[in-house]
Amino acid sequence: MRIMLAPMEGVIDHDMRSVLTQLGGYDRCVTEFIRINNQLLPDKVYLNFAQELNQGGRTPNGVPVYIQLLGNNPKYMALNAQRLEKLKPMGIDLNFGCPSKTVNKGNAGSALLREPNRIGHIVAAVRDSVDSSIPVTAKVRLGFSNHDLLEDVIGNIVEAGATEICIHARTREDRYKPPAYWSAVKKIASSSPIPIIINGEIWTIDDVRRARDESGCTDIMLGRGALSRPDLAASIKANEESTNYQLKTWIETRQIMTDYLYKTENKHPNFVGNRAKHWLVFLQRQFPEALELFHRIKRMRDAKDVFEAIESEPTPM
C-alpha cells in the first residue's frame, strides 16, 4: 500500500510537507494547485509553490513531490507543463476536483467533471507535451452533482495516457460532508488499467481498512486526517507491516505544531495565529486538549501571545 499526502490549498505548503513526511509513512506528496490561465507562468511561481524543486523534487527526507496544475485550456496547460518540465519535477498532477466556488465559476476544478471529453483533451495535451518519463496523474471527485459521468471521466483520463488517478469519493456538491462514498469507486478500480487511489474521510486505521475494502483500491490519499493525527501515515504503515508503533501523545503532537509555527512565523504577521487555530480545529478530533488550547488562543493575533499561550499550557498528569 502506498500513502499520498493530499494537496490542501492554503494548508499543505512546503514546510507542512516537510513536517508531515518527516514523521514517516508517505510515499508521495502533491502541491497546492497552481492556477493556469491563458498565460505562461514564470519559473518563480512554480518554485514558490514547490520549493522542493530546488532539491531534486523531494522533501528533505526524500519523499517525491508532484506539482499540481489547475486550468481548463489544453493549450496553456500544455505550455506551462513544458515550462515546468525544465525544473525537473517528479511528476505533474492535474486538478479536476477542487470544489471552490471561485474556481468553479471559472469552469475549472470540479466544474470540468460535467465535461469528460474536455478533461480528456487537457490530460492528453499535458501528457503529450512532456517527456514520457514524467508521470502525469489526475485528481477527481465522483462527479459534480451525481456519479452519472464518472465512468466517462475516468475513461477519458485513462485514454489520454494518465499514469494514475486519485478519486475523492464525494461529489462537488457533497464538498466535505461525511460520508465518503468509497463503494462508488469499486467498479472502476476493479477494471482500470492504471492505479486508482482512494481519498476522502480517512481519519483512522479502521477507516483505511474500510476504504480499501469498499473501494477496491490498494493505495490511499490522506488530507484532513493527516492534520488531525500528524503521524497517521506512519501508524498505518506500521499496522500494515504488523510492527509496533506508539502513537504520538498530545504533548509530542503539540511540540510538532509548535516547532512548525516557529519555523514559519515570518511568512506574514498573522500566520502563526491563523495556522495554529486552523490546525487545532483538526487536532480536536483526536485530542480533547486541542479544543481547550483553541479556546485559549482563538482571539489572539500576535505570534508572541500565541506562543506564550501554547508554551504555558498545563502539562497533563
C-alpha atoms as a PDB file:
ATOM      1  CA  MET A   1       0.000   0.000   0.000  1.00  0.00           C
ATOM      2  CA  ARG A   2       1.173   3.492  -0.864  1.00  0.00           C
ATOM      3  CA  ILE A   3       0.095   6.589   1.053  1.00  0.00           C
ATOM      4  CA  MET A   4      -0.130  10.003  -0.616  1.00  0.00           C
ATOM      5  CA  LEU A   5      -0.378  13.382   1.093  1.00  0.00           C
ATOM      6  CA  ALA A   6      -3.203  15.436  -0.417  1.00  0.00           C
ATOM      7  CA  PRO A   7      -2.857  18.935  -1.893  1.00  0.00           C
ATOM      8  CA  MET A   8      -4.847  21.035   0.583  1.00  0.00           C
ATOM      9  CA  GLU A   9      -4.930  24.628  -0.631  1.00  0.00           C
ATOM     10  CA  GLY A  10      -3.571  27.126   1.863  1.00  0.00           C
ATOM     11  CA  VAL A  11      -2.560  24.370   4.280  1.00  0.00           C
ATOM     12  CA  ILE A  12      -0.140  21.787   2.880  1.00  0.00           C
ATOM     13  CA  ASP A  13       2.734  24.037   1.864  1.00  0.00           C
ATOM     14  CA  HIS A  14       6.435  23.227   1.609  1.00  0.00           C
ATOM     15  CA  ASP A  15       7.020  23.491   5.352  1.00  0.00           C
ATOM     16  CA  MET A  16       3.985  21.396   6.253  1.00  0.00           C
ATOM     17  CA  ARG A  17       5.020  18.719   3.772  1.00  0.00           C
ATOM     18  CA  SER A  18       8.432  18.678   5.419  1.00  0.00           C
ATOM     19  CA  VAL A  19       6.939  18.259   8.901  1.00  0.00           C
ATOM     20  CA  LEU A  20       4.461  15.536   7.987  1.00  0.00           C
ATOM     21  CA  THR A  21       6.759  13.479   5.793  1.00  0.00           C
ATOM     22  CA  GLN A  22       9.486  13.626   8.438  1.00  0.00           C
ATOM     23  CA  LEU A  23       7.149  11.635  10.686  1.00  0.00           C
ATOM     24  CA  GLY A  24       7.157   8.839   8.102  1.00  0.00           C
ATOM     25  CA  GLY A  25       4.726   6.737   6.115  1.00  0.00           C
ATOM     26  CA  TYR A  26       4.282   8.861   2.993  1.00  0.00           C
ATOM     27  CA  ASP A  27       5.214   7.724  -0.489  1.00  0.00           C
ATOM     28  CA  ARG A  28       4.282  10.925  -2.339  1.00  0.00           C
ATOM     29  CA  CYS A  29       3.077  14.488  -1.827  1.00  0.00           C
ATOM     30  CA  VAL A  30       1.138  16.760  -4.163  1.00  0.00           C
ATOM     31  CA  THR A  31       1.435  20.545  -4.028  1.00  0.00           C
ATOM     32  CA  GLU A  32      -1.398  23.012  -3.671  1.00  0.00           C
ATOM     33  CA  PHE A  33      -2.817  23.758  -7.122  1.00  0.00           C
ATOM     34  CA  ILE A  34      -1.139  26.306  -9.381  1.00  0.00           C
ATOM     35  CA  ARG A  35      -3.817  28.164 -11.331  1.00  0.00           C
ATOM     36  CA  ILE A  36      -3.180  28.210 -15.083  1.00  0.00           C
ATOM     37  CA  ASN A  37      -4.932  30.899 -17.104  1.00  0.00           C
ATOM     38  CA  ASN A  38      -4.138  31.921 -20.672  1.00  0.00           C
ATOM     39  CA  GLN A  39      -0.546  32.804 -19.945  1.00  0.00           C
ATOM     40  CA  LEU A  40       2.844  31.222 -19.430  1.00  0.00           C
ATOM     41  CA  LEU A  41       3.880  31.415 -15.797  1.00  0.00           C
ATOM     42  CA  PRO A  42       7.457  32.311 -14.795  1.00  0.00           C
ATOM     43  CA  ASP A  43       9.643  29.776 -13.042  1.00  0.00           C
ATOM     44  CA  LYS A  44       9.406  31.670  -9.755  1.00  0.00           C
ATOM     45  CA  VAL A  45       5.725  30.745  -9.435  1.00  0.00           C
ATOM     46  CA  TYR A  46       6.490  27.024  -9.548  1.00  0.00           C
ATOM     47  CA  LEU A  47       9.443  27.435  -7.207  1.00  0.00           C
ATOM     48  CA  ASN A  48       7.278  29.338  -4.749  1.00  0.00           C
ATOM     49  CA  PHE A  49       4.660  26.569  -4.637  1.00  0.00           C
ATOM     50  CA  ALA A  50       7.226  23.784  -4.660  1.00  0.00           C
ATOM     51  CA  GLN A  51      10.500  24.768  -3.054  1.00  0.00           C
ATOM     52  CA  GLU A  52      11.341  21.070  -3.296  1.00  0.00           C
ATOM     53  CA  LEU A  53      12.188  21.716  -6.969  1.00  0.00           C
ATOM     54  CA  ASN A  54      15.416  23.227  -5.647  1.00  0.00           C
ATOM     55  CA  GLN A  55      16.300  19.904  -4.016  1.00  0.00           C
ATOM     56  CA  GLY A  56      15.574  17.351  -6.689  1.00  0.00           C
ATOM     57  CA  GLY A  57      11.789  17.498  -6.388  1.00  0.00           C
ATOM     58  CA  ARG A  58      11.706  15.781  -2.995  1.00  0.00           C
ATOM     59  CA  THR A  59      11.013  16.757   0.592  1.00  0.00           C
ATOM     60  CA  PRO A  60      14.054  16.988   2.907  1.00  0.00           C
ATOM     61  CA  ASN A  61      13.624  13.326   3.854  1.00  0.00           C
ATOM     62  CA  GLY A  62      13.274  12.172   0.253  1.00  0.00           C
ATOM     63  CA  VAL A  63       9.540  11.907  -0.456  1.00  0.00           C
ATOM     64  CA  PRO A  64       8.695  12.769  -4.107  1.00  0.00           C
ATOM     65  CA  VAL A  65       6.540  15.849  -4.683  1.00  0.00           C
ATOM     66  CA  TYR A  66       4.239  16.147  -7.704  1.00  0.00           C
ATOM     67  CA  ILE A  67       3.297  19.626  -8.908  1.00  0.00           C
ATOM     68  CA  GLN A  68      -0.439  20.183  -9.330  1.00  0.00           C
ATOM     69  CA  LEU A  69      -1.831  22.333 -12.144  1.00  0.00           C
ATOM     70  CA  LEU A  70      -5.415  23.585 -12.393  1.00  0.00           C
ATOM     71  CA  GLY A  71      -6.924  25.054 -15.546  1.00  0.00           C
ATOM     72  CA  ASN A  72      -9.316  24.463 -18.428  1.00  0.00           C
ATOM     73  CA  ASN A  73      -7.326  25.404 -21.532  1.00  0.00           C
ATOM     74  CA  PRO A  74      -5.447  22.427 -23.022  1.00  0.00           C
ATOM     75  CA  LYS A  75      -3.007  24.673 -24.902  1.00  0.00           C
ATOM     76  CA  TYR A  76      -1.882  26.674 -21.898  1.00  0.00           C
ATOM     77  CA  MET A  77      -1.918  23.694 -19.576  1.00  0.00           C
ATOM     78  CA  ALA A  78       0.472  22.015 -22.021  1.00  0.00           C
ATOM     79  CA  LEU A  79       2.687  25.080 -22.442  1.00  0.00           C
ATOM     80  CA  ASN A  80       3.011  25.502 -18.693  1.00  0.00           C
ATOM     81  CA  ALA A  81       3.707  21.798 -18.249  1.00  0.00           C
ATOM     82  CA  GLN A  82       6.562  22.165 -20.750  1.00  0.00           C
ATOM     83  CA  ARG A  83       7.992  25.056 -18.762  1.00  0.00           C
ATOM     84  CA  LEU A  84       7.588  23.102 -15.549  1.00  0.00           C
ATOM     85  CA  GLU A  85       9.390  20.135 -17.115  1.00  0.00           C
ATOM     86  CA  LYS A  86      12.588  22.215 -17.291  1.00  0.00           C
ATOM     87  CA  LEU A  87      12.539  22.426 -13.495  1.00  0.00           C
ATOM     88  CA  LYS A  88      12.608  18.607 -13.366  1.00  0.00           C
ATOM     89  CA  PRO A  89       9.509  17.787 -11.295  1.00  0.00           C
ATOM     90  CA  MET A  90       8.993  14.254 -10.035  1.00  0.00           C
ATOM     91  CA  GLY A  91       5.530  14.310 -11.603  1.00  0.00           C
ATOM     92  CA  ILE A  92       2.658  16.541 -12.723  1.00  0.00           C
ATOM     93  CA  ASP A  93      -0.828  16.226 -11.240  1.00  0.00           C
ATOM     94  CA  LEU A  94      -3.961  17.740 -12.795  1.00  0.00           C
ATOM     95  CA  ASN A  95      -6.770  19.058 -10.586  1.00  0.00           C
ATOM     96  CA  PHE A  96     -10.331  18.225 -11.629  1.00  0.00           C
ATOM     97  CA  GLY A  97     -11.692  18.060  -8.111  1.00  0.00           C
ATOM     98  CA  CYS A  98     -11.467  21.468  -6.440  1.00  0.00           C
ATOM     99  CA  PRO A  99     -14.976  22.403  -5.192  1.00  0.00           C
ATOM    100  CA  SER A 100     -14.229  26.115  -4.663  1.00  0.00           C
ATOM    101  CA  LYS A 101     -16.989  28.384  -5.994  1.00  0.00           C
ATOM    102  CA  THR A 102     -14.397  30.811  -7.325  1.00  0.00           C
ATOM    103  CA  VAL A 103     -12.551  28.069  -9.188  1.00  0.00           C
ATOM    104  CA  ASN A 104     -15.773  26.518 -10.491  1.00  0.00           C
ATOM    105  CA  LYS A 105     -17.079  29.874 -11.755  1.00  0.00           C
ATOM    106  CA  GLY A 106     -14.019  29.918 -13.970  1.00  0.00           C
ATOM    107  CA  ASN A 107     -15.042  26.486 -15.272  1.00  0.00           C
ATOM    108  CA  ALA A 108     -12.081  24.755 -13.672  1.00  0.00           C
ATOM    109  CA  GLY A 109     -11.599  22.169 -10.936  1.00  0.00           C
ATOM    110  CA  SER A 110     -14.679  20.035 -10.302  1.00  0.00           C
ATOM    111  CA  ALA A 111     -16.761  22.101 -12.747  1.00  0.00           C
ATOM    112  CA  LEU A 112     -14.997  20.178 -15.519  1.00  0.00           C
ATOM    113  CA  LEU A 113     -16.453  16.896 -14.263  1.00  0.00           C
ATOM    114  CA  ARG A 114     -19.515  17.810 -16.352  1.00  0.00           C
ATOM    115  CA  GLU A 115     -17.308  17.672 -19.473  1.00  0.00           C
ATOM    116  CA  PRO A 116     -15.490  14.320 -19.638  1.00  0.00           C
ATOM    117  CA  ASN A 117     -14.219  14.905 -23.181  1.00  0.00           C
ATOM    118  CA  ARG A 118     -12.702  18.232 -22.243  1.00  0.00           C
ATOM    119  CA  ILE A 119     -10.924  16.623 -19.307  1.00  0.00           C
ATOM    120  CA  GLY A 120      -9.536  14.064 -21.731  1.00  0.00           C
ATOM    121  CA  HIS A 121      -8.244  16.798 -24.045  1.00  0.00           C
ATOM    122  CA  ILE A 122      -6.489  18.562 -21.147  1.00  0.00           C
ATOM    123  CA  VAL A 123      -4.836  15.372 -19.893  1.00  0.00           C
ATOM    124  CA  ALA A 124      -3.766  14.394 -23.417  1.00  0.00           C
ATOM    125  CA  ALA A 125      -2.338  17.855 -24.090  1.00  0.00           C
ATOM    126  CA  VAL A 126      -0.230  17.754 -20.929  1.00  0.00           C
ATOM    127  CA  ARG A 127       0.792  14.132 -21.435  1.00  0.00           C
ATOM    128  CA  ASP A 128       1.935  14.816 -24.999  1.00  0.00           C
ATOM    129  CA  SER A 129       3.798  17.989 -24.030  1.00  0.00           C
ATOM    130  CA  VAL A 130       6.284  16.447 -21.599  1.00  0.00           C
ATOM    131  CA  ASP A 131       8.688  13.548 -21.688  1.00  0.00           C
ATOM    132  CA  SER A 132       7.103  10.141 -21.171  1.00  0.00           C
ATOM    133  CA  SER A 133       9.367   9.582 -18.147  1.00  0.00           C
ATOM    134  CA  ILE A 134       7.426  12.244 -16.194  1.00  0.00           C
ATOM    135  CA  PRO A 135       4.278  10.793 -14.576  1.00  0.00           C
ATOM    136  CA  VAL A 136       1.076  12.696 -15.325  1.00  0.00           C
ATOM    137  CA  THR A 137      -1.663  11.983 -12.796  1.00  0.00           C
ATOM    138  CA  ALA A 138      -5.160  13.351 -12.162  1.00  0.00           C
ATOM    139  CA  LYS A 139      -7.314  14.039  -9.117  1.00  0.00           C
ATOM    140  CA  VAL A 140     -11.107  13.977  -9.487  1.00  0.00           C
ATOM    141  CA  ARG A 141     -14.300  13.643  -7.496  1.00  0.00           C
ATOM    142  CA  LEU A 142     -17.209  11.276  -8.141  1.00  0.00           C
ATOM    143  CA  GLY A 143     -18.891  13.983 -10.184  1.00  0.00           C
ATOM    144  CA  PHE A 144     -20.313  17.467  -9.950  1.00  0.00           C
ATOM    145  CA  SER A 145     -23.778  16.744  -8.545  1.00  0.00           C
ATOM    146  CA  ASN A 146     -24.044  12.979  -9.116  1.00  0.00           C
ATOM    147  CA  HIS A 147     -21.984   9.984 -10.242  1.00  0.00           C
ATOM    148  CA  ASP A 148     -23.511   9.626 -13.710  1.00  0.00           C
ATOM    149  CA  LEU A 149     -20.427  10.697 -15.686  1.00  0.00           C
ATOM    150  CA  LEU A 150     -17.738   9.107 -13.518  1.00  0.00           C
ATOM    151  CA  GLU A 151     -17.000   6.210 -15.858  1.00  0.00           C
ATOM    152  CA  ASP A 152     -16.744   8.604 -18.819  1.00  0.00           C
ATOM    153  CA  VAL A 153     -14.431  10.908 -16.869  1.00  0.00           C
ATOM    154  CA  ILE A 154     -12.143   8.061 -15.838  1.00  0.00           C
ATOM    155  CA  GLY A 155     -12.246   6.516 -19.298  1.00  0.00           C
ATOM    156  CA  ASN A 156     -11.150   9.764 -20.931  1.00  0.00           C
ATOM    157  CA  ILE A 157      -8.328  10.243 -18.443  1.00  0.00           C
ATOM    158  CA  VAL A 158      -7.080   6.693 -18.979  1.00  0.00           C
ATOM    159  CA  GLU A 159      -7.291   7.007 -22.766  1.00  0.00           C
ATOM    160  CA  ALA A 160      -5.376  10.291 -22.610  1.00  0.00           C
ATOM    161  CA  GLY A 161      -2.409   8.492 -21.096  1.00  0.00           C
ATOM    162  CA  ALA A 162      -2.504   9.387 -17.409  1.00  0.00           C
ATOM    163  CA  THR A 163      -0.326   7.346 -15.087  1.00  0.00           C
ATOM    164  CA  GLU A 164      -2.692   7.203 -12.092  1.00  0.00           C
ATOM    165  CA  ILE A 165      -5.961   8.696 -10.865  1.00  0.00           C
ATOM    166  CA  CYS A 166      -6.945   9.728  -7.353  1.00  0.00           C
ATOM    167  CA  ILE A 167     -10.683   9.791  -6.667  1.00  0.00           C
ATOM    168  CA  HIS A 168     -12.075  11.834  -3.796  1.00  0.00           C
ATOM    169  CA  ALA A 169     -15.164   9.771  -3.038  1.00  0.00           C
ATOM    170  CA  ARG A 170     -17.647  12.661  -2.910  1.00  0.00           C
ATOM    171  CA  THR A 171     -19.245  14.929  -5.497  1.00  0.00           C
ATOM    172  CA  ARG A 172     -18.608  18.615  -5.756  1.00  0.00           C
ATOM    173  CA  GLU A 173     -21.990  19.280  -4.150  1.00  0.00           C
ATOM    174  CA  ASP A 174     -21.076  16.957  -1.270  1.00  0.00           C
ATOM    175  CA  ARG A 175     -17.976  19.094  -0.702  1.00  0.00           C
ATOM    176  CA  TYR A 176     -16.503  17.694   2.568  1.00  0.00           C
ATOM    177  CA  LYS A 177     -19.660  16.464   4.271  1.00  0.00           C
ATOM    178  CA  PRO A 178     -19.474  12.879   5.543  1.00  0.00           C
ATOM    179  CA  PRO A 179     -19.748  10.200   4.486  1.00  0.00           C
ATOM    180  CA  ALA A 180     -17.378   9.463   1.633  1.00  0.00           C
ATOM    181  CA  TYR A 181     -18.873   7.032  -0.880  1.00  0.00           C
ATOM    182  CA  TRP A 182     -15.936   4.663  -1.247  1.00  0.00           C
ATOM    183  CA  SER A 183     -18.034   1.880  -2.748  1.00  0.00           C
ATOM    184  CA  ALA A 184     -18.888   4.101  -5.743  1.00  0.00           C
ATOM    185  CA  VAL A 185     -15.294   3.632  -6.893  1.00  0.00           C
ATOM    186  CA  LYS A 186     -15.154  -0.171  -6.762  1.00  0.00           C
ATOM    187  CA  LYS A 187     -16.356  -0.942 -10.292  1.00  0.00           C
ATOM    188  CA  ILE A 188     -13.846   1.469 -11.777  1.00  0.00           C
ATOM    189  CA  ALA A 189     -10.976   0.361  -9.546  1.00  0.00           C
ATOM    190  CA  SER A 190     -11.543  -3.285 -10.452  1.00  0.00           C
ATOM    191  CA  SER A 191     -11.405  -2.651 -14.198  1.00  0.00           C
ATOM    192  CA  SER A 192      -8.941   0.230 -14.525  1.00  0.00           C
ATOM    193  CA  PRO A 193      -5.676  -0.476 -16.347  1.00  0.00           C
ATOM    194  CA  ILE A 194      -3.939   2.162 -14.214  1.00  0.00           C
ATOM    195  CA  PRO A 195      -3.854   2.515 -10.421  1.00  0.00           C
ATOM    196  CA  ILE A 196      -6.803   4.206  -8.722  1.00  0.00           C
ATOM    197  CA  ILE A 197      -6.116   5.904  -5.373  1.00  0.00           C
ATOM    198  CA  ILE A 198      -8.942   6.411  -2.860  1.00  0.00           C
ATOM    199  CA  ASN A 199      -9.323   9.673  -0.934  1.00  0.00           C
ATOM    200  CA  GLY A 200     -11.874  11.131   1.448  1.00  0.00           C
ATOM    201  CA  GLU A 201     -12.912  10.690   5.101  1.00  0.00           C
ATOM    202  CA  ILE A 202      -9.889   8.603   6.093  1.00  0.00           C
ATOM    203  CA  TRP A 203      -9.110   9.504   9.700  1.00  0.00           C
ATOM    204  CA  THR A 204      -8.049   6.223  11.323  1.00  0.00           C
ATOM    205  CA  ILE A 205      -6.502   2.832  10.622  1.00  0.00           C
ATOM    206  CA  ASP A 206     -10.006   1.349  10.648  1.00  0.00           C
ATOM    207  CA  ASP A 207     -11.084   3.897   8.022  1.00  0.00           C
ATOM    208  CA  VAL A 208      -8.161   2.758   5.877  1.00  0.00           C
ATOM    209  CA  ARG A 209      -9.314  -0.837   6.035  1.00  0.00           C
ATOM    210  CA  ARG A 210     -12.906   0.040   5.176  1.00  0.00           C
ATOM    211  CA  ALA A 211     -11.949   2.498   2.428  1.00  0.00           C
ATOM    212  CA  ARG A 212      -9.756  -0.096   0.735  1.00  0.00           C
ATOM    213  CA  ASP A 213     -12.307  -2.897   1.113  1.00  0.00           C
ATOM    214  CA  GLU A 214     -15.250  -0.832  -0.125  1.00  0.00           C
ATOM    215  CA  SER A 215     -13.409   0.897  -2.980  1.00  0.00           C
ATOM    216  CA  GLY A 216     -11.237  -1.960  -4.147  1.00  0.00           C
ATOM    217  CA  CYS A 217      -8.254   0.412  -4.177  1.00  0.00           C
ATOM    218  CA  THR A 218      -4.872  -0.552  -2.792  1.00  0.00           C
ATOM    219  CA  ASP A 219      -3.484   2.944  -2.291  1.00  0.00           C
ATOM    220  CA  ILE A 220      -4.862   5.852  -0.280  1.00  0.00           C
ATOM    221  CA  MET A 221      -4.513   9.625  -0.073  1.00  0.00           C
ATOM    222  CA  LEU A 222      -4.722  11.428   3.274  1.00  0.00           C
ATOM    223  CA  GLY A 223      -5.944  15.006   3.584  1.00  0.00           C
ATOM    224  CA  ARG A 224      -7.590  16.353   6.716  1.00  0.00           C
ATOM    225  CA  GLY A 225      -6.778  13.102   8.541  1.00  0.00           C
ATOM    226  CA  ALA A 226      -3.097  13.970   8.251  1.00  0.00           C
ATOM    227  CA  LEU A 227      -3.701  17.174  10.186  1.00  0.00           C
ATOM    228  CA  SER A 228      -5.875  15.576  12.851  1.00  0.00           C
ATOM    229  CA  ARG A 229      -3.212  12.944  13.525  1.00  0.00           C
ATOM    230  CA  PRO A 230       0.180  14.091  12.132  1.00  0.00           C
ATOM    231  CA  ASP A 231       1.687  10.602  12.456  1.00  0.00           C
ATOM    232  CA  LEU A 232      -1.317   8.839  10.919  1.00  0.00           C
ATOM    233  CA  ALA A 233       0.603   7.686   7.840  1.00  0.00           C
ATOM    234  CA  ALA A 234       3.393   6.211   9.973  1.00  0.00           C
ATOM    235  CA  SER A 235       0.868   4.345  12.123  1.00  0.00           C
ATOM    236  CA  ILE A 236      -0.921   2.998   9.046  1.00  0.00           C
ATOM    237  CA  LYS A 237       2.304   1.673   7.571  1.00  0.00           C
ATOM    238  CA  ALA A 238       3.299   0.097  10.888  1.00  0.00           C
ATOM    239  CA  ASN A 239      -0.081  -1.616  11.105  1.00  0.00           C
ATOM    240  CA  GLU A 240       0.234  -2.839   7.525  1.00  0.00           C
ATOM    241  CA  GLU A 241       3.642  -4.296   8.300  1.00  0.00           C
ATOM    242  CA  SER A 242       2.496  -5.709  11.675  1.00  0.00           C
ATOM    243  CA  THR A 243       5.144  -3.770  13.541  1.00  0.00           C
ATOM    244  CA  ASN A 244       4.728  -1.988  16.845  1.00  0.00           C
ATOM    245  CA  TYR A 245       4.078   1.734  16.730  1.00  0.00           C
ATOM    246  CA  GLN A 246       3.319   4.090  19.602  1.00  0.00           C
ATOM    247  CA  LEU A 247       1.087   6.959  18.502  1.00  0.00           C
ATOM    248  CA  LYS A 248       2.273  10.440  19.377  1.00  0.00           C
ATOM    249  CA  THR A 249       0.869  11.831  22.611  1.00  0.00           C
ATOM    250  CA  TRP A 250      -0.767  15.243  22.846  1.00  0.00           C
ATOM    251  CA  ILE A 251       2.451  16.705  24.309  1.00  0.00           C
ATOM    252  CA  GLU A 252       4.505  15.327  21.417  1.00  0.00           C
ATOM    253  CA  THR A 253       1.942  16.467  18.850  1.00  0.00           C
ATOM    254  CA  ARG A 254       1.745  19.937  20.381  1.00  0.00           C
ATOM    255  CA  GLN A 255       5.529  20.180  20.132  1.00  0.00           C
ATOM    256  CA  ILE A 256       5.399  19.199  16.453  1.00  0.00           C
ATOM    257  CA  MET A 257       2.906  22.018  15.864  1.00  0.00           C
ATOM    258  CA  THR A 258       4.968  24.499  17.893  1.00  0.00           C
ATOM    259  CA  ASP A 259       8.190  23.688  16.019  1.00  0.00           C
ATOM    260  CA  TYR A 260       6.366  24.204  12.722  1.00  0.00           C
ATOM    261  CA  LEU A 261       4.966  27.563  13.874  1.00  0.00           C
ATOM    262  CA  TYR A 262       8.392  28.805  14.969  1.00  0.00           C
ATOM    263  CA  LYS A 263       9.871  27.755  11.651  1.00  0.00           C
ATOM    264  CA  THR A 264       7.212  29.599   9.646  1.00  0.00           C
ATOM    265  CA  GLU A 265       6.385  32.614  11.828  1.00  0.00           C
ATOM    266  CA  ASN A 266       7.943  35.121   9.413  1.00  0.00           C
ATOM    267  CA  LYS A 267       5.627  34.253   6.495  1.00  0.00           C
ATOM    268  CA  HIS A 268       3.238  37.096   7.343  1.00  0.00           C
ATOM    269  CA  PRO A 269       2.159  38.895  10.556  1.00  0.00           C
ATOM    270  CA  ASN A 270      -0.933  36.779  11.246  1.00  0.00           C
ATOM    271  CA  PHE A 271       0.425  33.449  10.037  1.00  0.00           C
ATOM    272  CA  VAL A 272       1.162  31.904  13.428  1.00  0.00           C
ATOM    273  CA  GLY A 273      -2.248  32.710  14.909  1.00  0.00           C
ATOM    274  CA  ASN A 274      -4.213  31.696  11.823  1.00  0.00           C
ATOM    275  CA  ARG A 275      -2.333  28.455  11.231  1.00  0.00           C
ATOM    276  CA  ALA A 276      -2.342  27.445  14.907  1.00  0.00           C
ATOM    277  CA  LYS A 277      -6.134  27.910  15.142  1.00  0.00           C
ATOM    278  CA  HIS A 278      -6.707  26.077  11.871  1.00  0.00           C
ATOM    279  CA  TRP A 279      -4.531  23.133  12.875  1.00  0.00           C
ATOM    280  CA  LEU A 280      -6.080  22.919  16.336  1.00  0.00           C
ATOM    281  CA  VAL A 281      -9.537  22.567  14.754  1.00  0.00           C
ATOM    282  CA  PHE A 282      -8.349  19.344  13.129  1.00  0.00           C
ATOM    283  CA  LEU A 283      -6.392  18.146  16.163  1.00  0.00           C
ATOM    284  CA  GLN A 284      -9.577  18.361  18.272  1.00  0.00           C
ATOM    285  CA  ARG A 285     -10.777  15.221  16.535  1.00  0.00           C
ATOM    286  CA  GLN A 286      -8.067  13.174  18.264  1.00  0.00           C
ATOM    287  CA  PHE A 287      -7.042  15.299  21.242  1.00  0.00           C
ATOM    288  CA  PRO A 288      -9.532  16.979  23.614  1.00  0.00           C
ATOM    289  CA  GLU A 289      -6.666  19.156  24.846  1.00  0.00           C
ATOM    290  CA  ALA A 290      -6.563  20.790  21.407  1.00  0.00           C
ATOM    291  CA  LEU A 291     -10.064  22.177  21.928  1.00  0.00           C
ATOM    292  CA  GLU A 292      -9.030  23.741  25.225  1.00  0.00           C
ATOM    293  CA  LEU A 293      -5.957  25.301  23.648  1.00  0.00           C
ATOM    294  CA  PHE A 294      -8.008  26.570  20.710  1.00  0.00           C
ATOM    295  CA  HIS A 295     -10.313  28.468  23.056  1.00  0.00           C
ATOM    296  CA  ARG A 296      -7.306  29.978  24.834  1.00  0.00           C
ATOM    297  CA  ILE A 297      -5.836  31.447  21.635  1.00  0.00           C
ATOM    298  CA  LYS A 298      -8.889  31.986  19.404  1.00  0.00           C
ATOM    299  CA  ARG A 299      -8.902  35.774  19.894  1.00  0.00           C
ATOM    300  CA  MET A 300      -5.122  36.187  19.755  1.00  0.00           C
ATOM    301  CA  ARG A 301      -3.396  37.651  16.730  1.00  0.00           C
ATOM    302  CA  ASP A 302       0.121  38.416  17.879  1.00  0.00           C
ATOM    303  CA  ALA A 303       2.521  35.496  17.386  1.00  0.00           C
ATOM    304  CA  LYS A 304       4.222  36.177  20.715  1.00  0.00           C
ATOM    305  CA  ASP A 305       0.911  35.830  22.576  1.00  0.00           C
ATOM    306  CA  VAL A 306       0.104  32.602  20.748  1.00  0.00           C
ATOM    307  CA  PHE A 307       3.481  31.067  21.566  1.00  0.00           C
ATOM    308  CA  GLU A 308       3.208  32.084  25.207  1.00  0.00           C
ATOM    309  CA  ALA A 309      -0.252  30.523  25.452  1.00  0.00           C
ATOM    310  CA  ILE A 310       0.923  27.276  23.900  1.00  0.00           C
ATOM    311  CA  GLU A 311       4.048  27.014  25.994  1.00  0.00           C
ATOM    312  CA  SER A 312       2.273  27.869  29.243  1.00  0.00           C
ATOM    313  CA  GLU A 313      -0.396  25.205  28.699  1.00  0.00           C
ATOM    314  CA  PRO A 314      -0.613  22.896  31.724  1.00  0.00           C
ATOM    315  CA  THR A 315       1.069  19.525  31.228  1.00  0.00           C
ATOM    316  CA  PRO A 316      -1.384  16.616  31.603  1.00  0.00           C
ATOM    317  CA  MET A 317      -0.707  14.404  34.609  1.00  0.00           C
END
